[in-house]
Protein backbone atom coordinates (compact mmCIF):
# COMPACT_ATOMS: atom_id res chain seq x y z
CA MET A 1 -37.37 -47.73 7.70
CA PRO A 2 -34.41 -46.70 10.46
CA ASP A 3 -33.39 -43.39 10.75
CA PHE A 4 -29.42 -43.73 10.78
CA ARG A 5 -29.12 -40.35 11.58
CA GLY A 6 -29.00 -40.89 15.11
CA ASP A 7 -29.27 -38.31 17.93
CA THR A 8 -29.06 -34.60 16.51
CA SER A 9 -29.58 -32.85 19.02
CA GLY A 10 -27.85 -30.11 20.00
CA VAL A 11 -26.10 -29.97 16.28
CA SER A 12 -26.84 -26.95 15.33
CA THR A 13 -25.88 -25.48 18.52
CA LEU A 14 -22.95 -27.27 18.67
CA ARG A 15 -21.70 -25.94 14.77
CA THR A 16 -23.13 -22.36 15.75
CA ALA A 17 -20.61 -22.13 18.54
CA LEU A 18 -17.41 -23.94 16.85
CA THR A 19 -17.98 -20.94 13.87
CA LEU A 20 -18.17 -18.62 16.70
CA VAL A 21 -15.04 -19.97 18.16
CA ILE A 22 -13.38 -19.91 14.66
CA VAL A 23 -14.50 -16.25 14.20
CA GLY A 24 -13.50 -15.34 17.51
CA ILE A 25 -9.78 -16.88 17.24
CA LEU A 26 -9.80 -14.53 13.77
CA ALA A 27 -11.22 -11.40 15.24
CA THR A 28 -8.68 -11.77 18.40
CA GLY A 29 -5.67 -12.49 15.36
CA ILE A 30 -7.35 -9.30 13.93
CA GLY A 31 -6.49 -7.00 17.05
CA VAL A 32 -3.79 -8.26 18.12
CA THR A 33 -2.16 -7.20 14.45
CA PHE A 34 -4.13 -3.65 14.96
CA VAL A 35 -1.76 -3.49 18.50
CA TRP A 36 1.13 -4.88 17.19
CA ASP A 37 1.07 -1.71 14.13
CA ASP A 38 0.00 0.45 16.62
CA ARG A 39 2.73 -0.38 19.44
CA GLY A 40 5.27 -1.34 17.45
CA SER A 41 7.09 -4.37 16.73
CA PRO A 42 9.99 -6.06 19.86
CA ARG A 43 12.42 -4.90 17.69
CA GLU A 44 12.00 -1.72 17.40
CA LEU A 45 12.30 1.13 19.53
CA THR A 46 10.65 4.12 21.38
CA THR A 47 12.04 6.94 22.51
CA THR A 48 10.46 10.82 23.28
CA GLY A 49 9.81 13.19 20.75
CA THR A 50 7.72 16.61 20.45
CA LEU A 51 5.05 18.00 17.80
CA THR A 52 6.15 20.24 15.93
CA GLY A 53 3.04 21.03 13.59
CA SER A 54 0.14 19.63 12.55
CA HIS A 55 -2.55 19.81 9.27
CA PRO A 56 -5.51 17.76 8.14
CA SER A 57 -4.56 15.90 5.01
CA ALA A 58 -5.28 17.13 1.61
CA ARG A 59 -8.76 16.99 -0.15
CA HIS A 60 -7.53 15.24 -2.90
CA GLU A 61 -5.81 12.60 -0.61
CA LYS A 62 -8.35 9.63 -0.50
CA ARG A 63 -7.94 8.33 3.37
CA LYS A 64 -8.46 11.65 5.02
CA GLY A 65 -6.91 12.19 8.83
CA THR A 66 -4.08 14.82 9.96
CA TRP A 67 -0.38 14.50 9.61
CA TYR A 68 1.77 14.73 12.50
CA GLU A 69 5.08 17.07 12.22
CA PHE A 70 7.68 15.71 15.21
CA GLN A 71 10.96 15.60 16.08
CA TYR A 72 12.94 12.95 17.94
CA ALA A 73 16.69 12.21 18.61
CA ILE A 74 18.03 8.73 17.45
CA THR A 75 20.78 6.38 19.54
CA ASP A 76 23.09 8.26 17.65
CA GLY A 77 21.79 11.44 19.17
CA ARG A 78 21.03 12.75 15.87
CA GLN A 79 18.07 14.91 15.56
CA VAL A 80 15.68 13.17 13.22
CA ALA A 81 12.03 15.55 11.68
CA THR A 82 9.13 14.10 9.81
CA SER A 83 5.66 13.41 9.86
CA PHE A 84 2.94 10.87 10.37
CA ARG A 85 -0.66 10.44 9.29
CA VAL A 86 -2.98 9.41 11.79
CA THR A 87 -6.24 8.50 11.11
CA PRO A 88 -9.57 10.93 11.88
CA SER A 89 -9.94 8.86 15.51
CA GLY A 90 -6.69 8.85 16.21
CA SER A 91 -4.17 11.27 18.19
CA LEU A 92 -5.31 13.97 20.46
CA ASP A 93 -2.16 15.51 20.95
CA ARG A 94 -1.54 19.31 20.01
CA ASP A 95 1.72 21.08 18.50
CA GLY A 96 4.62 21.00 21.78
CA ASP A 97 3.11 18.04 23.28
CA ARG A 98 5.82 15.24 24.47
CA VAL A 99 4.60 12.07 22.10
CA LYS A 100 6.46 8.73 21.73
CA VAL A 101 8.08 7.82 18.76
CA ILE A 102 8.61 4.26 17.81
CA TYR A 103 11.44 3.34 14.64
CA SER A 104 13.39 0.59 13.27
CA PRO A 105 16.99 0.86 14.33
CA ASP A 106 17.68 -0.50 10.67
CA ALA A 107 15.44 2.40 9.43
CA PRO A 108 15.97 5.60 12.25
CA LEU A 109 14.61 8.33 9.84
CA ASP A 110 11.18 6.61 9.42
CA GLY A 111 9.40 6.96 12.51
CA ARG A 112 6.04 6.50 13.04
CA LEU A 113 3.83 8.23 16.15
CA TRP A 114 2.88 6.07 19.28
CA VAL A 115 -1.10 6.10 18.61
CA THR A 116 -3.45 5.85 22.00
CA ARG A 117 -7.45 5.70 20.82
CA GLY A 118 -7.39 5.63 24.86
CA GLY A 119 -7.16 1.76 24.92
CA LEU A 120 -9.78 1.37 21.60
CA GLU A 121 -7.04 -0.38 20.20
CA PHE A 122 -7.82 -3.51 21.88
CA LEU A 123 -10.99 -3.74 21.61
CA PRO A 124 -10.60 -6.26 18.51
CA ALA A 125 -8.92 -8.41 20.53
CA ALA A 126 -10.47 -8.02 23.77
CA GLY A 127 -14.06 -8.91 21.62
CA GLY A 128 -12.62 -11.60 19.40
CA LEU A 129 -11.33 -13.24 22.35
CA ALA A 130 -14.42 -12.79 24.86
CA LEU A 131 -15.86 -14.31 21.36
CA THR A 132 -14.16 -17.00 21.65
CA LEU A 133 -14.25 -18.47 25.37
CA GLY A 134 -18.04 -17.68 25.13
CA ALA A 135 -18.08 -20.11 22.41
CA LEU A 136 -15.87 -22.43 23.89
CA ARG A 137 -17.82 -22.40 27.15
CA VAL A 138 -20.51 -23.49 24.63
CA VAL A 139 -19.20 -26.03 22.95
CA ILE A 140 -18.10 -27.81 25.96
CA ARG A 141 -21.74 -27.59 27.82
CA GLU A 142 -22.48 -29.39 24.61
CA LEU A 143 -20.41 -32.17 24.37
CA LEU A 144 -21.47 -32.84 27.84
CA LYS A 145 -24.98 -33.05 26.98
CA ARG A 146 -23.94 -35.50 25.20
CA ARG A 147 -22.01 -37.40 26.76
CA ARG A 148 -24.89 -37.92 29.62
CA ARG A 149 -26.92 -38.24 27.17
CA ARG A 150 -25.49 -41.58 25.89
CA GLN A 151 -24.43 -42.55 29.15
CA ALA A 152 -28.31 -42.64 30.45
CA PRO A 153 -29.53 -46.10 30.96
CA ALA A 154 -32.13 -46.95 28.04
CA ARG A 155 -35.67 -46.64 28.87
CA ALA A 156 -37.13 -49.69 28.42
């Protein structure tokens, strides 16, 4: 009875690599979303503000972090004072430091800090991109192997 499956060598490698390509694309998308949240969208404005105070989050709050109070000027010249919670792995700025503030022209009173984490916000996007490119390399290699096997002369 003939086997109708054909040549299945490299199939699991190819499937695994294709799965990793999809996972890498998803990780890249999630990472870009993290960067977008930290850096603001293109329509948002950035300005320089001053930290005026900070205090840890209350014990009853679910998400721990530090509340930073800061002051900044919006486009019409008014000074705005507000606060923004940064996660425990967030900003290392101290009171009196100059910081970048992101705000929307539609809601200038709802500014937030431009939080830097020493480049760590780029890690998910960079990792996802590296995973995608590495897996694509394996996919291409496996497809070329299959092509060479099909083109090889049949031995009698």
